[in-house]
Amino acid sequence: MFYFERLDLNHFRASEHVGGAWNTSEQHIAPALGLLGHAIELDHGARREDRLRIARLSYDILGTLPIGVVEIDVSVLRPGRTIELVEARLSHAGRLTVIARGWLLKAADTNDIAGSAMPRIPSPQALETWRPVEFWPGGFIRSVEVRRSLLGAGRAISWVRSDVKLIDGEPTSATAAALGLVDVANGLAPRVGIDDASFPNVDLTVHLFAEPKGSWLGFDTMVSFGQDGIGLTHSALHDEAGPIGTVSQILTIRR
């Protein structure tokens, strides 16, 4: 099983497993965000031997994305030996849908001072299985396995993984795989049911101070709704070794 099939250097065909949660005939944006991260990593690897790694990716989601063929192009906005800014654009039928900007930083040995004040979350094995398909529709939601502890409206600790490959027959990094899951954060601790309001995100920004390891991606999630139709989903990200970064999504709340 796979989310995308590569057609050529820049074109990919989406599979049924990308079906969306708000509209099952459209793509859930999560796999496409992983695809953009993978494209940035491939472009960087093709251009230079010394490795910089993705430290931040910000995505602006310009509209909905049909299930079909998408095109990606990548350009370097700020080249550098230790710091680089790259932009990747995803379009469908000539219509630009997602713009991603990534800061890539040169790795260095800071093991002796490594640490984080973010509290650790319980392991996946310590949480109960949650079936998001009972709350959310769509092929993507059916493709993920979730363990969750719901702590209240808009508050949850969760672990998510998928055995669906990002691209058919093509190896991808653990970072790209994680980027293909992070958008699920907005559905892990909803404040209201989807019959009461919709609350899609128009952006996503992920910061990674450590590279993810393993198949599970952990979320320590808080959801806030303002009084004028704008919300925020913010999660600390974890792998099984501990915290690795954060992801934030701004929401448009619609009755």
Protein backbone atom coordinates (compact mmCIF):
# COMPACT_ATOMS: atom_id res chain seq x y z
CA MET A 1 0.00 0.00 0.00
CA PHE A 2 1.16 3.54 -0.73
CA TYR A 3 -0.05 7.14 -0.64
CA PHE A 4 1.62 8.24 -3.90
CA GLU A 5 3.06 6.68 -7.03
CA ARG A 6 5.91 8.51 -8.77
CA LEU A 7 5.22 9.13 -12.47
CA ASP A 8 8.37 11.09 -13.31
CA LEU A 9 10.79 13.51 -11.66
CA ASN A 10 8.11 16.01 -10.63
CA HIS A 11 4.74 14.24 -10.91
CA PHE A 12 3.00 11.87 -8.48
CA ARG A 13 -0.35 10.09 -8.58
CA ALA A 14 -2.30 9.90 -5.32
CA SER A 15 -3.90 6.63 -4.21
CA GLU A 16 -7.21 6.03 -2.44
CA HIS A 17 -5.36 6.05 0.89
CA VAL A 18 -5.07 9.87 0.81
CA GLY A 19 -8.85 10.37 1.02
CA GLY A 20 -9.72 13.37 3.18
CA ALA A 21 -11.56 13.70 6.46
CA TRP A 22 -13.58 16.84 5.68
CA ASN A 23 -14.37 15.62 2.15
CA THR A 24 -13.53 12.05 1.16
CA SER A 25 -13.27 12.98 -2.55
CA GLU A 26 -10.40 15.35 -1.73
CA GLN A 27 -6.95 14.58 -0.37
CA HIS A 28 -6.19 14.68 3.31
CA ILE A 29 -3.30 17.11 3.22
CA ALA A 30 -1.10 15.05 5.58
CA PRO A 31 0.53 12.72 3.00
CA ALA A 32 1.12 15.64 0.62
CA LEU A 33 3.05 17.47 3.36
CA GLY A 34 5.27 14.42 3.75
CA LEU A 35 5.74 14.30 -0.02
CA LEU A 36 6.93 17.92 -0.03
CA GLY A 37 9.39 17.17 2.77
CA HIS A 38 10.72 14.21 0.81
CA ALA A 39 11.12 16.40 -2.30
CA ILE A 40 13.13 18.95 -0.32
CA GLU A 41 15.40 16.24 1.07
CA LEU A 42 15.94 14.72 -2.40
CA ASP A 43 16.73 18.09 -3.95
CA HIS A 44 19.23 18.87 -1.21
CA GLY A 45 20.90 15.45 -1.56
CA ALA A 46 21.18 15.85 -5.32
CA ARG A 47 22.87 19.25 -5.01
CA ARG A 48 25.46 18.75 -2.31
CA GLU A 49 27.44 16.12 -0.48
CA ASP A 50 27.56 17.76 2.95
CA ARG A 51 24.30 17.07 4.75
CA LEU A 52 21.99 19.69 6.17
CA ARG A 53 18.82 18.46 7.84
CA ILE A 54 15.31 19.85 8.00
CA ALA A 55 14.87 21.86 11.20
CA ARG A 56 11.71 23.76 10.33
CA LEU A 57 9.04 23.40 7.66
CA SER A 58 6.19 25.86 7.30
CA TYR A 59 3.32 24.97 4.98
CA ASP A 60 0.70 27.37 3.63
CA ILE A 61 -2.35 25.48 2.38
CA LEU A 62 -3.94 27.55 -0.39
CA GLY A 63 -6.93 25.32 -1.13
CA THR A 64 -8.32 21.84 -1.35
CA LEU A 65 -6.56 19.11 -3.30
CA PRO A 66 -8.39 16.59 -5.50
CA ILE A 67 -7.29 12.96 -5.50
CA GLY A 68 -5.22 12.80 -8.67
CA VAL A 69 -1.84 13.75 -10.10
CA VAL A 70 0.18 16.44 -8.32
CA GLU A 71 3.31 18.27 -9.42
CA ILE A 72 6.15 19.47 -7.19
CA ASP A 73 8.93 21.93 -7.97
CA VAL A 74 11.72 22.94 -5.58
CA SER A 75 13.95 26.03 -5.48
CA VAL A 76 16.66 27.30 -3.14
CA LEU A 77 15.88 30.74 -1.74
CA ARG A 78 18.94 31.12 0.47
CA PRO A 79 21.88 28.84 -0.28
CA GLY A 80 24.57 28.33 2.34
CA ARG A 81 27.15 25.91 3.68
CA THR A 82 25.54 25.62 7.13
CA ILE A 83 22.09 27.22 6.73
CA GLU A 84 19.80 26.95 3.73
CA LEU A 85 16.23 28.05 2.96
CA VAL A 86 14.35 25.96 0.40
CA GLU A 87 10.88 26.35 -1.06
CA ALA A 88 8.76 23.54 -2.52
CA ARG A 89 5.45 24.13 -4.32
CA LEU A 90 2.76 21.52 -4.90
CA SER A 91 0.12 22.03 -7.58
CA HIS A 92 -2.70 20.13 -9.25
CA ALA A 93 -3.70 20.79 -12.88
CA GLY A 94 -1.69 24.01 -12.83
CA ARG A 95 -3.29 25.32 -9.62
CA LEU A 96 -0.88 25.99 -6.76
CA THR A 97 -2.18 24.26 -3.61
CA VAL A 98 0.61 24.11 -1.00
CA ILE A 99 3.75 26.19 -0.51
CA ALA A 100 6.37 24.77 1.85
CA ARG A 101 9.42 26.65 3.11
CA GLY A 102 12.09 24.71 4.94
CA TRP A 103 15.13 25.80 6.91
CA LEU A 104 17.88 23.21 6.66
CA LEU A 105 20.70 23.40 9.21
CA LYS A 106 24.08 21.72 9.41
CA ALA A 107 24.27 19.04 12.09
CA ALA A 108 26.95 19.25 14.81
CA ASP A 109 27.88 17.18 17.84
CA THR A 110 26.10 18.66 20.89
CA ASN A 111 25.41 15.37 22.64
CA ASP A 112 27.06 16.54 25.88
CA ILE A 113 24.57 19.41 26.32
CA ALA A 114 21.49 17.80 24.72
CA GLY A 115 18.19 17.83 26.62
CA SER A 116 14.67 19.29 26.70
CA ALA A 117 12.35 20.76 29.31
CA MET A 118 9.35 19.27 27.47
CA PRO A 119 7.73 16.60 29.66
CA ARG A 120 7.82 13.07 28.29
CA ILE A 121 4.56 11.34 27.45
CA PRO A 122 3.56 7.73 28.20
CA SER A 123 4.72 5.11 25.70
CA PRO A 124 2.40 3.84 22.94
CA GLN A 125 2.02 0.58 24.82
CA ALA A 126 0.67 2.47 27.85
CA LEU A 127 -2.25 3.99 25.91
CA GLU A 128 -5.44 2.41 24.65
CA THR A 129 -6.14 1.89 20.97
CA TRP A 130 -8.42 4.58 19.51
CA ARG A 131 -10.37 4.11 16.29
CA PRO A 132 -10.49 7.55 14.65
CA VAL A 133 -12.65 6.10 11.85
CA GLU A 134 -15.53 6.21 14.34
CA PHE A 135 -15.16 10.01 14.38
CA TRP A 136 -13.50 10.89 11.05
CA PRO A 137 -14.10 9.47 7.53
CA GLY A 138 -11.62 9.07 4.68
CA GLY A 139 -8.92 6.81 3.31
CA PHE A 140 -6.09 8.50 5.17
CA ILE A 141 -7.76 8.11 8.57
CA ARG A 142 -8.34 4.42 7.81
CA SER A 143 -4.63 4.04 7.05
CA VAL A 144 -3.32 5.11 10.47
CA GLU A 145 -3.07 3.32 13.79
CA VAL A 146 -3.69 5.50 16.85
CA ARG A 147 -3.19 5.07 20.59
CA ARG A 148 -4.75 7.89 22.62
CA SER A 149 -5.51 9.15 26.11
CA LEU A 150 -8.20 11.85 25.91
CA LEU A 151 -7.64 14.23 28.82
CA GLY A 152 -10.52 16.60 28.05
CA ALA A 153 -12.05 18.70 25.28
CA GLY A 154 -9.11 19.88 23.20
CA ARG A 155 -6.50 17.96 25.19
CA ALA A 156 -5.00 14.55 24.41
CA ILE A 157 -1.84 12.49 24.38
CA SER A 158 -1.57 10.26 21.32
CA TRP A 159 0.71 8.06 19.27
CA VAL A 160 0.21 7.60 15.52
CA ARG A 161 1.82 5.38 12.91
CA SER A 162 1.05 4.03 9.44
CA ASP A 163 2.32 1.04 7.50
CA VAL A 164 1.34 2.69 4.20
CA LYS A 165 4.44 3.80 2.27
CA LEU A 166 4.70 7.46 1.34
CA ILE A 167 5.77 6.62 -2.25
CA ASP A 168 5.41 3.25 -3.95
CA GLY A 169 8.78 1.48 -4.23
CA GLU A 170 10.83 4.48 -3.10
CA PRO A 171 12.73 4.75 0.18
CA THR A 172 11.95 7.79 2.33
CA SER A 173 13.50 9.09 5.53
CA ALA A 174 11.96 8.88 8.99
CA THR A 175 11.62 12.67 8.85
CA ALA A 176 9.57 12.54 5.64
CA ALA A 177 7.40 9.79 7.12
CA ALA A 178 6.79 11.88 10.24
CA LEU A 179 5.98 14.95 8.13
CA GLY A 180 3.38 12.80 6.38
CA LEU A 181 1.61 12.29 9.72
CA VAL A 182 1.88 15.62 11.56
CA ASP A 183 -1.30 17.14 10.10
CA VAL A 184 -3.33 14.48 11.91
CA ALA A 185 -2.73 16.49 15.11
CA ASN A 186 -5.78 18.65 14.43
CA GLY A 187 -8.07 15.63 14.67
CA LEU A 188 -6.67 14.01 17.80
CA ALA A 189 -8.36 16.17 20.44
CA PRO A 190 -11.33 18.00 18.89
CA ARG A 191 -13.15 20.46 21.13
CA VAL A 192 -16.47 19.80 19.37
CA GLY A 193 -17.93 17.15 17.12
CA ILE A 194 -17.67 17.58 13.36
CA ASP A 195 -21.48 17.83 13.20
CA ASP A 196 -21.28 20.98 15.33
CA ALA A 197 -18.46 22.81 13.52
CA SER A 198 -15.68 22.35 11.03
CA PHE A 199 -12.20 23.57 11.94
CA PRO A 200 -9.74 22.95 9.08
CA ASN A 201 -6.22 24.32 9.33
CA VAL A 202 -4.91 26.73 6.72
CA ASP A 203 -1.27 26.25 7.65
CA LEU A 204 1.11 23.96 9.51
CA THR A 205 4.52 24.71 10.98
CA VAL A 206 6.75 21.99 12.36
CA HIS A 207 10.03 22.51 14.22
CA LEU A 208 12.33 19.52 14.75
CA PHE A 209 15.27 19.81 17.14
CA ALA A 210 15.88 16.05 16.81
CA GLU A 211 15.37 13.66 13.94
CA PRO A 212 12.50 11.22 14.55
CA LYS A 213 13.33 7.56 15.05
CA GLY A 214 11.03 4.56 14.84
CA SER A 215 7.56 4.18 13.39
CA TRP A 216 5.53 5.83 16.18
CA LEU A 217 5.06 9.62 16.29
CA GLY A 218 3.81 11.02 19.60
CA PHE A 219 1.58 14.08 20.09
CA ASP A 220 0.97 16.05 23.29
CA THR A 221 -1.89 18.14 21.93
CA MET A 222 -3.78 21.24 23.03
CA VAL A 223 -6.60 22.80 20.97
CA SER A 224 -7.83 26.35 21.54
CA PHE A 225 -10.88 28.06 20.00
CA GLY A 226 -11.08 31.85 20.07
CA GLN A 227 -14.30 33.88 20.23
CA ASP A 228 -14.17 35.11 16.64
CA GLY A 229 -13.84 31.96 14.56
CA ILE A 230 -10.07 31.36 14.78
CA GLY A 231 -8.43 28.46 16.57
CA LEU A 232 -5.06 26.88 17.20
CA THR A 233 -3.90 23.30 17.50
CA HIS A 234 -0.46 22.97 19.09
CA SER A 235 1.37 19.72 19.82
CA ALA A 236 4.70 18.73 21.26
CA LEU A 237 6.10 15.95 19.07
CA HIS A 238 7.80 12.82 20.41
CA ASP A 239 9.41 9.61 19.32
CA GLU A 240 9.79 6.75 21.76
CA ALA A 241 13.10 8.21 23.01
CA GLY A 242 11.51 11.51 24.03
CA PRO A 243 10.48 14.93 22.69
CA ILE A 244 11.72 15.95 19.24
CA GLY A 245 9.88 19.19 18.35
CA THR A 246 6.52 20.92 17.92
CA VAL A 247 3.77 21.37 15.35
CA SER A 248 1.24 24.24 15.21
CA GLN A 249 -1.83 24.69 13.00
CA ILE A 250 -4.03 27.79 12.75
CA LEU A 251 -7.71 26.93 12.29
CA THR A 252 -10.71 28.56 10.65
CA ILE A 253 -13.78 27.59 12.69
CA ARG A 254 -17.03 27.31 10.74
CA ARG A 255 -20.43 26.52 12.25
